[in-house]
Protein backbone atom coordinates (compact mmCIF):
# COMPACT_ATOMS: atom_id res chain seq x y z
CA MET A 1 -2.19 -11.60 -14.26
CA PRO A 2 1.19 -12.38 -12.53
CA ALA A 3 2.25 -15.98 -11.87
CA TYR A 4 2.65 -16.63 -8.06
CA ASP A 5 5.15 -19.01 -6.40
CA PRO A 6 6.85 -19.33 -2.99
CA GLN A 7 9.51 -16.80 -4.00
CA THR A 8 6.88 -14.15 -4.84
CA ALA A 9 5.16 -11.94 -2.30
CA LEU A 10 1.83 -10.12 -2.93
CA ILE A 11 1.80 -6.80 -1.07
CA VAL A 12 -1.72 -5.50 -0.56
CA VAL A 13 -1.39 -1.75 0.12
CA ASP A 14 -3.95 0.07 2.38
CA ILE A 15 -7.22 -1.36 1.20
CA GLN A 16 -8.95 0.27 4.24
CA ASN A 17 -12.33 1.88 4.58
CA ASP A 18 -11.14 5.53 4.54
CA PHE A 19 -9.65 4.85 1.06
CA ALA A 20 -11.80 2.00 -0.40
CA HIS A 21 -15.38 2.82 0.87
CA PRO A 22 -17.42 5.61 -0.59
CA ASP A 23 -18.08 6.86 2.88
CA GLY A 24 -14.36 7.02 3.66
CA SER A 25 -12.78 10.36 4.45
CA LEU A 26 -10.13 9.95 1.63
CA TYR A 27 -12.05 7.72 -0.83
CA VAL A 28 -10.19 6.78 -3.95
CA ARG A 29 -12.46 6.60 -7.02
CA GLY A 30 -12.33 3.07 -8.49
CA ALA A 31 -11.43 1.41 -5.24
CA GLU A 32 -14.37 -1.05 -5.39
CA GLN A 33 -12.76 -2.75 -8.54
CA VAL A 34 -9.45 -2.71 -6.79
CA VAL A 35 -11.06 -4.74 -3.95
CA VAL A 36 -12.43 -7.17 -6.31
CA ASN A 37 -9.05 -7.55 -8.32
CA ALA A 38 -6.96 -7.71 -5.03
CA ASN A 39 -9.17 -10.53 -3.72
CA ARG A 40 -8.57 -12.36 -7.02
CA ALA A 41 -4.74 -11.91 -6.56
CA ILE A 42 -4.89 -12.86 -2.88
CA ALA A 43 -6.71 -16.14 -3.81
CA GLU A 44 -4.15 -16.93 -6.58
CA ALA A 45 -1.25 -16.07 -4.42
CA THR A 46 -2.48 -18.23 -1.48
CA ASP A 47 -3.17 -21.14 -3.74
CA ALA A 48 0.33 -21.02 -5.19
CA GLY A 49 2.01 -20.90 -1.75
CA ALA A 50 3.11 -17.13 -2.15
CA LEU A 51 3.42 -14.90 0.84
CA VAL A 52 0.66 -12.22 1.15
CA VAL A 53 1.47 -9.17 3.24
CA TYR A 54 -0.82 -6.41 4.03
CA THR A 55 0.02 -2.78 4.75
CA GLN A 56 -2.24 -0.69 6.96
CA ASP A 57 -2.29 2.98 7.55
CA TRP A 58 -2.64 3.42 11.25
CA HIS A 59 -2.42 7.08 12.47
CA PRO A 60 -2.97 8.60 15.89
CA ALA A 61 -5.77 11.07 16.14
CA ASP A 62 -3.33 14.05 16.17
CA THR A 63 -0.47 14.19 13.69
CA PRO A 64 1.24 16.66 11.46
CA HIS A 65 0.29 14.44 8.53
CA PHE A 66 -3.28 15.70 8.89
CA GLU A 67 -4.52 19.00 7.49
CA LYS A 68 -5.92 20.04 10.96
CA ASP A 69 -2.51 19.75 12.36
CA GLY A 70 -0.54 21.41 9.49
CA GLY A 71 -0.46 18.61 6.99
CA ILE A 72 -2.12 18.21 3.60
CA TRP A 73 -4.55 15.28 4.31
CA PRO A 74 -8.10 15.13 5.91
CA VAL A 75 -8.09 13.00 9.07
CA HIS A 76 -8.00 9.27 7.83
CA CYS A 77 -7.07 5.80 9.06
CA VAL A 78 -7.00 6.75 12.70
CA GLY A 79 -6.09 3.53 14.68
CA ASP A 80 -8.92 1.52 16.05
CA THR A 81 -11.65 3.36 13.97
CA TRP A 82 -13.86 2.17 11.26
CA GLY A 83 -11.78 4.21 8.74
CA ALA A 84 -8.57 2.32 9.63
CA GLN A 85 -10.18 -1.21 9.34
CA PHE A 86 -9.59 -3.19 6.09
CA HIS A 87 -12.59 -2.92 3.66
CA ASP A 88 -15.26 -5.48 4.69
CA GLU A 89 -15.07 -7.22 1.26
CA LEU A 90 -11.36 -7.63 1.31
CA ILE A 91 -9.86 -11.07 2.09
CA SER A 92 -7.73 -9.63 4.86
CA ASP A 93 -6.53 -12.78 6.74
CA ALA A 94 -4.13 -14.35 4.29
CA GLY A 95 -0.90 -13.05 5.86
CA PRO A 96 0.83 -10.70 8.19
CA VAL A 97 0.00 -6.93 8.58
CA VAL A 98 2.54 -4.19 8.60
CA ARG A 99 1.26 -0.95 10.09
CA LYS A 100 2.57 2.32 9.04
CA GLY A 101 2.05 5.93 10.39
CA VAL A 102 1.63 4.68 13.90
CA ASP A 103 3.85 7.36 15.46
CA GLY A 104 2.26 10.18 13.62
CA ASN A 105 4.79 9.72 10.82
CA ASP A 106 3.96 9.93 7.14
CA GLY A 107 3.47 6.23 6.28
CA TYR A 108 3.59 6.28 2.46
CA SER A 109 5.80 3.28 1.94
CA GLY A 110 5.20 -0.09 3.39
CA PHE A 111 8.98 -0.32 3.92
CA THR A 112 9.60 2.93 5.88
CA THR A 113 7.90 5.66 7.73
CA ARG A 114 9.13 9.24 7.76
CA ASP A 115 8.74 11.84 10.49
CA PRO A 116 6.94 14.70 8.78
CA GLN A 117 8.78 17.40 10.65
CA SER A 118 12.41 16.13 10.64
CA GLY A 119 12.26 13.92 7.57
CA ASP A 120 13.96 11.01 9.34
CA GLU A 121 13.08 7.60 8.14
CA ARG A 122 12.57 4.40 10.06
CA ALA A 123 12.16 0.85 8.63
CA THR A 124 8.94 -1.10 9.19
CA ASP A 125 8.92 -4.90 9.50
CA LEU A 126 8.13 -5.41 5.72
CA GLU A 127 11.65 -5.87 4.42
CA ASP A 128 12.59 -8.39 7.22
CA THR A 129 9.40 -10.19 6.58
CA LEU A 130 10.19 -10.64 2.90
CA LEU A 131 13.86 -11.56 3.45
CA LYS A 132 12.93 -14.26 6.01
CA ALA A 133 10.64 -15.69 3.59
CA GLU A 134 13.34 -15.68 0.87
CA ILE A 135 11.23 -13.54 -1.45
CA GLU A 136 12.73 -12.48 -4.76
CA ARG A 137 9.61 -10.89 -6.42
CA CYS A 138 6.87 -8.60 -5.32
CA VAL A 139 3.48 -8.01 -6.87
CA VAL A 140 1.99 -4.75 -5.49
CA VAL A 141 -1.74 -3.93 -5.51
CA GLY A 142 -3.89 -1.51 -3.54
CA LEU A 143 -4.38 2.18 -2.81
CA ALA A 144 -3.40 4.72 -3.84
CA THR A 145 -1.33 4.55 -6.99
CA ASP A 146 0.21 8.01 -6.66
CA TYR A 147 1.24 7.74 -2.90
CA CYS A 148 1.41 4.53 -0.88
CA VAL A 149 1.56 2.01 -3.83
CA LYS A 150 4.22 4.24 -5.57
CA GLU A 151 6.45 4.57 -2.41
CA THR A 152 6.16 0.89 -1.58
CA VAL A 153 7.07 0.01 -5.21
CA LEU A 154 10.08 2.48 -5.18
CA ASP A 155 11.40 1.01 -1.98
CA ALA A 156 10.97 -2.62 -3.13
CA CYS A 157 12.94 -1.68 -6.37
CA ARG A 158 15.65 0.00 -4.21
CA GLN A 159 15.86 -3.10 -1.97
CA GLY A 160 16.55 -5.22 -5.09
CA PHE A 161 13.22 -7.06 -5.48
CA GLU A 162 11.71 -7.65 -8.89
CA VAL A 163 8.45 -5.79 -8.86
CA LEU A 164 5.17 -6.03 -10.83
CA VAL A 165 2.24 -3.67 -10.60
CA PRO A 166 -0.97 -4.74 -12.21
CA THR A 167 -2.78 -1.55 -13.29
CA ASN A 168 -6.21 -3.20 -12.79
CA SER A 169 -5.46 -3.62 -9.09
CA VAL A 170 -4.38 -0.06 -8.08
CA ALA A 171 -6.23 3.34 -8.30
CA ALA A 172 -4.94 6.87 -7.73
CA VAL A 173 -6.07 9.75 -5.53
CA ASN A 174 -5.09 12.20 -8.43
CA LEU A 175 -4.87 15.39 -6.47
CA GLN A 176 -3.70 16.63 -9.94
CA PRO A 177 -5.34 14.91 -12.84
CA ALA A 178 -2.14 13.11 -14.14
CA ASP A 179 -0.62 12.06 -10.74
CA GLY A 180 -1.59 8.40 -11.24
CA ASP A 181 0.05 8.26 -14.63
CA ALA A 182 3.09 10.08 -13.32
CA ALA A 183 3.36 7.59 -10.56
CA LEU A 184 3.16 4.61 -12.98
CA THR A 185 5.95 6.32 -15.01
CA ALA A 186 8.09 6.82 -11.98
CA MET A 187 7.56 3.18 -10.86
CA SER A 188 8.50 1.85 -14.47
CA GLU A 189 11.57 4.10 -14.53
CA ALA A 190 12.71 2.53 -11.18
CA GLY A 191 12.51 -0.82 -12.70
CA ALA A 192 9.01 -2.17 -11.88
CA VAL A 193 7.07 -3.85 -14.55
CA ILE A 194 3.60 -2.19 -15.02
CA GLU A 195 1.05 -4.32 -16.76
């Protein structure tokens, strides 16, 4: 497991009911163990004085991100619904929350949102939060390896942070069987340490 200190941030990506609970609309297999391992990481990070930041998918009811409106995904993580809430067993009060997808944008990365029609990107508060805390390293855990974790990690690498992804604390959607492995490879090639 990674060593935490005040220059390290733990970024907990989208451990929400629609992804992490078996009744969720976009349940990710293996999410229960991710919750357990993420909680262990949150406790270790908090004890070491590291910053913990959560990302939270938070969509409007109608968005081109959803299949019913022209996108590829089932309806999920609609703001103020059970599906958008953090998983009940997740320690979810250890730090600030960065919401993404709030304008109907694709919210894959914790650092940016992207308009699904124009492709225009807009920054979230995550980078400012990390810079204000003088963070140098990020440990990224959560769901899902092949989408939101991957995009958050790639953006963190682009921003110049050292990044670590503990593989026991992520799980993939795997629309195609090897998507999770391909995502880990892409993160590694971008400079992240995968362990």
